[in-house]
Amino acid sequence: MDRIYQFCAMKPDGTVVDFSIYQNKVLLIVNTASACGFTPQYQELEKLYQQYKGEGLEILAFPSNDFGQQEQLSGEALQRYCALDQRLSFTVFDRIQIKGADAHPIYQFLRDKSLNGKVSSKPLWNFHKYLIDREGKVVDYFYSFTKPLARRLEKKVKKLLEA
Protein backbone atom coordinates (compact mmCIF):
# COMPACT_ATOMS: atom_id res chain seq x y z
CA MET A 1 0.00 0.00 0.00
CA ASP A 2 2.71 2.48 -0.98
CA ARG A 3 0.34 4.54 -3.14
CA ILE A 4 -1.82 7.50 -2.13
CA TYR A 5 -5.05 6.15 -3.64
CA GLN A 6 -6.08 4.61 -0.32
CA PHE A 7 -6.83 8.02 1.24
CA CYS A 8 -9.74 10.45 1.40
CA ALA A 9 -9.87 14.06 2.54
CA MET A 10 -12.58 16.66 3.04
CA LYS A 11 -12.90 19.93 1.16
CA PRO A 12 -14.01 23.11 3.01
CA ASP A 13 -17.60 22.60 1.82
CA GLY A 14 -17.75 19.17 3.46
CA THR A 15 -17.34 17.16 0.24
CA VAL A 16 -15.18 14.08 0.77
CA VAL A 17 -12.68 13.38 -2.01
CA ASP A 18 -11.51 9.82 -2.62
CA PHE A 19 -7.92 9.96 -3.87
CA SER A 20 -8.61 7.19 -6.37
CA ILE A 21 -9.82 10.01 -8.67
CA TYR A 22 -6.18 11.06 -9.02
CA GLN A 23 -5.03 7.83 -10.66
CA ASN A 24 -2.72 8.49 -13.62
CA LYS A 25 -2.16 12.10 -12.49
CA VAL A 26 1.05 13.75 -11.30
CA LEU A 27 0.38 15.36 -7.92
CA LEU A 28 2.05 18.14 -6.01
CA ILE A 29 0.79 18.01 -2.42
CA VAL A 30 1.45 21.10 -0.30
CA ASN A 31 0.65 22.06 3.28
CA THR A 32 -0.43 25.69 3.21
CA ALA A 33 -1.35 28.63 5.46
CA SER A 34 -2.99 31.95 4.64
CA ALA A 35 -0.96 34.09 7.05
CA CYS A 36 2.56 32.85 6.36
CA GLY A 37 5.58 34.50 4.80
CA PHE A 38 5.39 31.77 2.14
CA THR A 39 1.70 32.49 1.33
CA PRO A 40 2.69 34.27 -1.94
CA GLN A 41 3.56 30.76 -3.17
CA TYR A 42 -0.20 30.27 -3.67
CA GLN A 43 0.11 32.38 -6.82
CA GLU A 44 3.09 30.38 -8.12
CA LEU A 45 1.20 27.16 -7.41
CA GLU A 46 -1.70 28.52 -9.46
CA LYS A 47 0.64 29.42 -12.35
CA LEU A 48 2.24 25.97 -12.26
CA TYR A 49 -1.22 24.39 -12.22
CA GLN A 50 -2.47 26.47 -15.14
CA GLN A 51 0.64 25.64 -17.14
CA TYR A 52 0.49 21.84 -16.66
CA LYS A 53 -3.06 20.83 -15.73
CA GLY A 54 -3.79 19.92 -19.34
CA GLU A 55 -0.93 17.42 -19.20
CA GLY A 56 -2.18 15.76 -16.02
CA LEU A 57 -0.87 17.82 -13.09
CA GLU A 58 -3.04 18.24 -10.01
CA ILE A 59 -2.10 20.40 -7.06
CA LEU A 60 -3.59 19.45 -3.70
CA ALA A 61 -3.34 22.04 -0.94
CA PHE A 62 -3.81 21.08 2.70
CA PRO A 63 -4.14 24.15 4.93
CA SER A 64 -2.80 23.58 8.43
CA ASN A 65 -2.51 25.62 11.59
CA ASP A 66 0.40 23.51 12.86
CA PHE A 67 3.17 26.04 12.27
CA GLY A 68 3.02 29.40 14.01
CA GLN A 69 -0.80 29.36 14.16
CA GLN A 70 -0.74 30.79 10.62
CA GLU A 71 -3.97 29.23 9.35
CA GLN A 72 -6.95 30.34 11.40
CA LEU A 73 -9.44 29.80 8.55
CA SER A 74 -11.48 26.67 7.93
CA GLY A 75 -14.73 25.69 6.27
CA GLU A 76 -16.57 28.42 4.35
CA ALA A 77 -14.13 31.16 5.39
CA LEU A 78 -11.22 29.15 4.00
CA GLN A 79 -13.15 28.38 0.82
CA ARG A 80 -13.93 32.11 0.30
CA TYR A 81 -10.32 33.11 0.93
CA CYS A 82 -8.93 30.60 -1.57
CA ALA A 83 -11.56 31.28 -4.25
CA LEU A 84 -11.98 35.05 -3.95
CA ASP A 85 -8.82 36.47 -2.39
CA GLN A 86 -6.28 34.08 -3.91
CA ARG A 87 -8.32 33.05 -7.02
CA LEU A 88 -7.12 29.45 -6.81
CA SER A 89 -8.51 26.86 -9.20
CA PHE A 90 -6.62 23.81 -7.89
CA THR A 91 -8.03 21.66 -5.09
CA VAL A 92 -7.81 23.06 -1.58
CA PHE A 93 -8.90 20.78 1.23
CA ASP A 94 -10.23 21.81 4.63
CA ARG A 95 -7.75 22.57 7.39
CA ILE A 96 -6.05 19.48 8.82
CA GLN A 97 -3.33 18.60 11.26
CA ILE A 98 -0.13 17.51 9.54
CA LYS A 99 2.28 16.88 12.38
CA GLY A 100 2.21 14.77 15.49
CA ALA A 101 0.33 11.62 16.37
CA ASP A 102 -3.02 13.15 15.34
CA ALA A 103 -1.84 14.06 11.83
CA HIS A 104 -4.22 13.33 8.97
CA PRO A 105 -3.51 9.85 7.52
CA ILE A 106 -2.30 11.31 4.20
CA TYR A 107 0.44 13.19 6.06
CA GLN A 108 1.35 10.20 8.19
CA PHE A 109 1.90 8.41 4.87
CA LEU A 110 3.75 11.24 3.09
CA ARG A 111 6.29 11.86 5.84
CA ASP A 112 7.17 8.23 6.65
CA LYS A 113 9.38 6.14 4.36
CA SER A 114 8.19 2.90 5.99
CA LEU A 115 4.69 3.76 4.70
CA ASN A 116 5.38 5.46 1.34
CA GLY A 117 8.43 3.40 0.37
CA LYS A 118 10.53 6.35 -0.83
CA VAL A 119 11.05 9.40 1.39
CA SER A 120 11.26 10.29 5.04
CA SER A 121 10.58 14.00 5.29
CA LYS A 122 8.42 15.71 7.87
CA PRO A 123 7.26 19.23 7.03
CA LEU A 124 9.21 21.73 9.07
CA TRP A 125 6.99 24.67 8.09
CA ASN A 126 4.16 25.67 5.78
CA PHE A 127 4.43 25.07 2.01
CA HIS A 128 6.45 21.85 2.21
CA LYS A 129 5.83 20.00 -1.06
CA TYR A 130 5.60 16.32 -2.02
CA LEU A 131 5.73 15.14 -5.61
CA ILE A 132 3.71 12.05 -6.54
CA ASP A 133 4.05 10.16 -9.83
CA ARG A 134 1.26 8.85 -12.09
CA GLU A 135 1.28 5.54 -10.20
CA GLY A 136 0.49 7.27 -6.90
CA LYS A 137 3.97 6.87 -5.44
CA VAL A 138 5.88 9.56 -3.57
CA VAL A 139 8.98 10.37 -5.62
CA ASP A 140 10.41 13.55 -4.08
CA TYR A 141 9.87 16.41 -1.66
CA PHE A 142 10.80 20.08 -1.52
CA TYR A 143 11.24 22.30 1.52
CA SER A 144 9.17 25.44 2.01
CA PHE A 145 11.82 27.75 0.58
CA THR A 146 11.69 25.96 -2.80
CA LYS A 147 9.24 28.02 -4.82
CA PRO A 148 6.69 26.20 -7.00
CA LEU A 149 8.20 27.69 -10.16
CA ALA A 150 11.78 26.86 -9.14
CA ARG A 151 13.63 25.29 -12.05
CA ARG A 152 14.44 22.02 -10.28
CA LEU A 153 10.84 21.48 -9.11
CA GLU A 154 9.31 22.35 -12.47
CA LYS A 155 11.85 20.13 -14.27
CA LYS A 156 10.83 17.13 -12.13
CA VAL A 157 7.14 17.84 -12.71
CA LYS A 158 7.68 17.96 -16.48
CA LYS A 159 9.66 14.73 -16.44
CA LEU A 160 6.87 12.91 -14.56
CA LEU A 161 4.24 14.32 -16.91
CA GLU A 162 6.18 13.01 -19.90
CA ALA A 163 6.53 9.51 -18.40
C-alpha atoms as a PDB file:
ATOM      1  CA  MET A   1       0.000   0.000   0.000  1.00  0.00           C
ATOM      2  CA  ASP A   2       2.713   2.475  -0.982  1.00  0.00           C
ATOM      3  CA  ARG A   3       0.339   4.539  -3.136  1.00  0.00           C
ATOM      4  CA  ILE A   4      -1.819   7.498  -2.133  1.00  0.00           C
ATOM      5  CA  TYR A   5      -5.045   6.151  -3.640  1.00  0.00           C
ATOM      6  CA  GLN A   6      -6.084   4.614  -0.317  1.00  0.00           C
ATOM      7  CA  PHE A   7      -6.830   8.023   1.240  1.00  0.00           C
ATOM      8  CA  CYS A   8      -9.738  10.454   1.397  1.00  0.00           C
ATOM      9  CA  ALA A   9      -9.868  14.064   2.541  1.00  0.00           C
ATOM     10  CA  MET A  10     -12.575  16.662   3.042  1.00  0.00           C
ATOM     11  CA  LYS A  11     -12.900  19.930   1.157  1.00  0.00           C
ATOM     12  CA  PRO A  12     -14.005  23.106   3.007  1.00  0.00           C
ATOM     13  CA  ASP A  13     -17.601  22.602   1.822  1.00  0.00           C
ATOM     14  CA  GLY A  14     -17.753  19.165   3.461  1.00  0.00           C
ATOM     15  CA  THR A  15     -17.344  17.157   0.244  1.00  0.00           C
ATOM     16  CA  VAL A  16     -15.182  14.076   0.765  1.00  0.00           C
ATOM     17  CA  VAL A  17     -12.681  13.381  -2.015  1.00  0.00           C
ATOM     18  CA  ASP A  18     -11.508   9.815  -2.618  1.00  0.00           C
ATOM     19  CA  PHE A  19      -7.922   9.955  -3.869  1.00  0.00           C
ATOM     20  CA  SER A  20      -8.608   7.194  -6.374  1.00  0.00           C
ATOM     21  CA  ILE A  21      -9.816  10.008  -8.673  1.00  0.00           C
ATOM     22  CA  TYR A  22      -6.176  11.056  -9.023  1.00  0.00           C
ATOM     23  CA  GLN A  23      -5.025   7.827 -10.657  1.00  0.00           C
ATOM     24  CA  ASN A  24      -2.719   8.493 -13.623  1.00  0.00           C
ATOM     25  CA  LYS A  25      -2.159  12.104 -12.488  1.00  0.00           C
ATOM     26  CA  VAL A  26       1.045  13.749 -11.298  1.00  0.00           C
ATOM     27  CA  LEU A  27       0.378  15.364  -7.920  1.00  0.00           C
ATOM     28  CA  LEU A  28       2.045  18.144  -6.009  1.00  0.00           C
ATOM     29  CA  ILE A  29       0.794  18.013  -2.418  1.00  0.00           C
ATOM     30  CA  VAL A  30       1.450  21.101  -0.300  1.00  0.00           C
ATOM     31  CA  ASN A  31       0.653  22.061   3.281  1.00  0.00           C
ATOM     32  CA  THR A  32      -0.428  25.691   3.209  1.00  0.00           C
ATOM     33  CA  ALA A  33      -1.354  28.630   5.456  1.00  0.00           C
ATOM     34  CA  SER A  34      -2.990  31.948   4.638  1.00  0.00           C
ATOM     35  CA  ALA A  35      -0.965  34.094   7.052  1.00  0.00           C
ATOM     36  CA  CYS A  36       2.561  32.847   6.365  1.00  0.00           C
ATOM     37  CA  GLY A  37       5.582  34.499   4.795  1.00  0.00           C
ATOM     38  CA  PHE A  38       5.389  31.771   2.141  1.00  0.00           C
ATOM     39  CA  THR A  39       1.701  32.490   1.327  1.00  0.00           C
ATOM     40  CA  PRO A  40       2.687  34.272  -1.939  1.00  0.00           C
ATOM     41  CA  GLN A  41       3.561  30.758  -3.174  1.00  0.00           C
ATOM     42  CA  TYR A  42      -0.198  30.269  -3.665  1.00  0.00           C
ATOM     43  CA  GLN A  43       0.115  32.383  -6.817  1.00  0.00           C
ATOM     44  CA  GLU A  44       3.093  30.384  -8.116  1.00  0.00           C
ATOM     45  CA  LEU A  45       1.200  27.164  -7.412  1.00  0.00           C
ATOM     46  CA  GLU A  46      -1.702  28.518  -9.461  1.00  0.00           C
ATOM     47  CA  LYS A  47       0.642  29.425 -12.350  1.00  0.00           C
ATOM     48  CA  LEU A  48       2.235  25.970 -12.255  1.00  0.00           C
ATOM     49  CA  TYR A  49      -1.221  24.390 -12.223  1.00  0.00           C
ATOM     50  CA  GLN A  50      -2.472  26.472 -15.142  1.00  0.00           C
ATOM     51  CA  GLN A  51       0.637  25.635 -17.142  1.00  0.00           C
ATOM     52  CA  TYR A  52       0.489  21.842 -16.663  1.00  0.00           C
ATOM     53  CA  LYS A  53      -3.064  20.832 -15.727  1.00  0.00           C
ATOM     54  CA  GLY A  54      -3.792  19.918 -19.335  1.00  0.00           C
ATOM     55  CA  GLU A  55      -0.926  17.416 -19.203  1.00  0.00           C
ATOM     56  CA  GLY A  56      -2.177  15.758 -16.017  1.00  0.00           C
ATOM     57  CA  LEU A  57      -0.870  17.824 -13.093  1.00  0.00           C
ATOM     58  CA  GLU A  58      -3.042  18.236 -10.013  1.00  0.00           C
ATOM     59  CA  ILE A  59      -2.100  20.399  -7.060  1.00  0.00           C
ATOM     60  CA  LEU A  60      -3.595  19.445  -3.704  1.00  0.00           C
ATOM     61  CA  ALA A  61      -3.344  22.042  -0.939  1.00  0.00           C
ATOM     62  CA  PHE A  62      -3.809  21.085   2.700  1.00  0.00           C
ATOM     63  CA  PRO A  63      -4.142  24.146   4.926  1.00  0.00           C
ATOM     64  CA  SER A  64      -2.800  23.580   8.425  1.00  0.00           C
ATOM     65  CA  ASN A  65      -2.512  25.625  11.595  1.00  0.00           C
ATOM     66  CA  ASP A  66       0.396  23.509  12.857  1.00  0.00           C
ATOM     67  CA  PHE A  67       3.167  26.036  12.269  1.00  0.00           C
ATOM     68  CA  GLY A  68       3.019  29.403  14.008  1.00  0.00           C
ATOM     69  CA  GLN A  69      -0.803  29.359  14.164  1.00  0.00           C
ATOM     70  CA  GLN A  70      -0.738  30.788  10.616  1.00  0.00           C
ATOM     71  CA  GLU A  71      -3.974  29.227   9.350  1.00  0.00           C
ATOM     72  CA  GLN A  72      -6.952  30.335  11.398  1.00  0.00           C
ATOM     73  CA  LEU A  73      -9.440  29.798   8.549  1.00  0.00           C
ATOM     74  CA  SER A  74     -11.477  26.674   7.930  1.00  0.00           C
ATOM     75  CA  GLY A  75     -14.731  25.687   6.273  1.00  0.00           C
ATOM     76  CA  GLU A  76     -16.568  28.419   4.350  1.00  0.00           C
ATOM     77  CA  ALA A  77     -14.126  31.163   5.388  1.00  0.00           C
ATOM     78  CA  LEU A  78     -11.221  29.149   4.002  1.00  0.00           C
ATOM     79  CA  GLN A  79     -13.146  28.379   0.818  1.00  0.00           C
ATOM     80  CA  ARG A  80     -13.932  32.106   0.300  1.00  0.00           C
ATOM     81  CA  TYR A  81     -10.317  33.114   0.932  1.00  0.00           C
ATOM     82  CA  CYS A  82      -8.933  30.598  -1.575  1.00  0.00           C
ATOM     83  CA  ALA A  83     -11.557  31.280  -4.250  1.00  0.00           C
ATOM     84  CA  LEU A  84     -11.979  35.045  -3.949  1.00  0.00           C
ATOM     85  CA  ASP A  85      -8.821  36.465  -2.385  1.00  0.00           C
ATOM     86  CA  GLN A  86      -6.280  34.076  -3.913  1.00  0.00           C
ATOM     87  CA  ARG A  87      -8.323  33.054  -7.016  1.00  0.00           C
ATOM     88  CA  LEU A  88      -7.123  29.451  -6.813  1.00  0.00           C
ATOM     89  CA  SER A  89      -8.512  26.856  -9.199  1.00  0.00           C
ATOM     90  CA  PHE A  90      -6.622  23.807  -7.895  1.00  0.00           C
ATOM     91  CA  THR A  91      -8.026  21.661  -5.085  1.00  0.00           C
ATOM     92  CA  VAL A  92      -7.807  23.063  -1.580  1.00  0.00           C
ATOM     93  CA  PHE A  93      -8.905  20.777   1.232  1.00  0.00           C
ATOM     94  CA  ASP A  94     -10.230  21.815   4.630  1.00  0.00           C
ATOM     95  CA  ARG A  95      -7.751  22.567   7.386  1.00  0.00           C
ATOM     96  CA  ILE A  96      -6.053  19.481   8.816  1.00  0.00           C
ATOM     97  CA  GLN A  97      -3.329  18.598  11.261  1.00  0.00           C
ATOM     98  CA  ILE A  98      -0.130  17.514   9.536  1.00  0.00           C
ATOM     99  CA  LYS A  99       2.283  16.879  12.377  1.00  0.00           C
ATOM    100  CA  GLY A 100       2.215  14.766  15.493  1.00  0.00           C
ATOM    101  CA  ALA A 101       0.330  11.617  16.371  1.00  0.00           C
ATOM    102  CA  ASP A 102      -3.017  13.155  15.338  1.00  0.00           C
ATOM    103  CA  ALA A 103      -1.843  14.060  11.833  1.00  0.00           C
ATOM    104  CA  HIS A 104      -4.224  13.330   8.974  1.00  0.00           C
ATOM    105  CA  PRO A 105      -3.508   9.845   7.523  1.00  0.00           C
ATOM    106  CA  ILE A 106      -2.296  11.314   4.204  1.00  0.00           C
ATOM    107  CA  TYR A 107       0.440  13.193   6.064  1.00  0.00           C
ATOM    108  CA  GLN A 108       1.351  10.198   8.193  1.00  0.00           C
ATOM    109  CA  PHE A 109       1.901   8.415   4.870  1.00  0.00           C
ATOM    110  CA  LEU A 110       3.747  11.243   3.094  1.00  0.00           C
ATOM    111  CA  ARG A 111       6.290  11.856   5.836  1.00  0.00           C
ATOM    112  CA  ASP A 112       7.171   8.229   6.652  1.00  0.00           C
ATOM    113  CA  LYS A 113       9.382   6.135   4.361  1.00  0.00           C
ATOM    114  CA  SER A 114       8.190   2.904   5.991  1.00  0.00           C
ATOM    115  CA  LEU A 115       4.690   3.758   4.698  1.00  0.00           C
ATOM    116  CA  ASN A 116       5.380   5.461   1.343  1.00  0.00           C
ATOM    117  CA  GLY A 117       8.430   3.405   0.365  1.00  0.00           C
ATOM    118  CA  LYS A 118      10.527   6.353  -0.829  1.00  0.00           C
ATOM    119  CA  VAL A 119      11.049   9.400   1.395  1.00  0.00           C
ATOM    120  CA  SER A 120      11.257  10.285   5.040  1.00  0.00           C
ATOM    121  CA  SER A 121      10.579  13.998   5.285  1.00  0.00           C
ATOM    122  CA  LYS A 122       8.424  15.713   7.874  1.00  0.00           C
ATOM    123  CA  PRO A 123       7.256  19.226   7.026  1.00  0.00           C
ATOM    124  CA  LEU A 124       9.211  21.733   9.074  1.00  0.00           C
ATOM    125  CA  TRP A 125       6.987  24.669   8.086  1.00  0.00           C
ATOM    126  CA  ASN A 126       4.155  25.670   5.780  1.00  0.00           C
ATOM    127  CA  PHE A 127       4.433  25.074   2.011  1.00  0.00           C
ATOM    128  CA  HIS A 128       6.451  21.850   2.214  1.00  0.00           C
ATOM    129  CA  LYS A 129       5.833  19.999  -1.062  1.00  0.00           C
ATOM    130  CA  TYR A 130       5.596  16.315  -2.016  1.00  0.00           C
ATOM    131  CA  LEU A 131       5.727  15.142  -5.613  1.00  0.00           C
ATOM    132  CA  ILE A 132       3.708  12.047  -6.538  1.00  0.00           C
ATOM    133  CA  ASP A 133       4.051  10.159  -9.831  1.00  0.00           C
ATOM    134  CA  ARG A 134       1.262   8.847 -12.089  1.00  0.00           C
ATOM    135  CA  GLU A 135       1.281   5.543 -10.201  1.00  0.00           C
ATOM    136  CA  GLY A 136       0.486   7.274  -6.904  1.00  0.00           C
ATOM    137  CA  LYS A 137       3.969   6.872  -5.439  1.00  0.00           C
ATOM    138  CA  VAL A 138       5.881   9.562  -3.569  1.00  0.00           C
ATOM    139  CA  VAL A 139       8.983  10.369  -5.621  1.00  0.00           C
ATOM    140  CA  ASP A 140      10.407  13.551  -4.082  1.00  0.00           C
ATOM    141  CA  TYR A 141       9.865  16.411  -1.659  1.00  0.00           C
ATOM    142  CA  PHE A 142      10.797  20.079  -1.516  1.00  0.00           C
ATOM    143  CA  TYR A 143      11.239  22.296   1.524  1.00  0.00           C
ATOM    144  CA  SER A 144       9.169  25.439   2.007  1.00  0.00           C
ATOM    145  CA  PHE A 145      11.820  27.754   0.577  1.00  0.00           C
ATOM    146  CA  THR A 146      11.689  25.959  -2.799  1.00  0.00           C
ATOM    147  CA  LYS A 147       9.241  28.023  -4.816  1.00  0.00           C
ATOM    148  CA  PRO A 148       6.690  26.201  -6.998  1.00  0.00           C
ATOM    149  CA  LEU A 149       8.204  27.693 -10.156  1.00  0.00           C
ATOM    150  CA  ALA A 150      11.777  26.862  -9.142  1.00  0.00           C
ATOM    151  CA  ARG A 151      13.630  25.288 -12.053  1.00  0.00           C
ATOM    152  CA  ARG A 152      14.435  22.016 -10.280  1.00  0.00           C
ATOM    153  CA  LEU A 153      10.836  21.481  -9.112  1.00  0.00           C
ATOM    154  CA  GLU A 154       9.307  22.350 -12.474  1.00  0.00           C
ATOM    155  CA  LYS A 155      11.851  20.132 -14.271  1.00  0.00           C
ATOM    156  CA  LYS A 156      10.829  17.133 -12.129  1.00  0.00           C
ATOM    157  CA  VAL A 157       7.135  17.837 -12.707  1.00  0.00           C
ATOM    158  CA  LYS A 158       7.678  17.959 -16.481  1.00  0.00           C
ATOM    159  CA  LYS A 159       9.662  14.729 -16.440  1.00  0.00           C
ATOM    160  CA  LEU A 160       6.874  12.911 -14.560  1.00  0.00           C
ATOM    161  CA  LEU A 161       4.240  14.320 -16.909  1.00  0.00           C
ATOM    162  CA  GLU A 162       6.182  13.014 -19.904  1.00  0.00           C
ATOM    163  CA  ALA A 163       6.532   9.507 -18.403  1.00  0.00           C
END
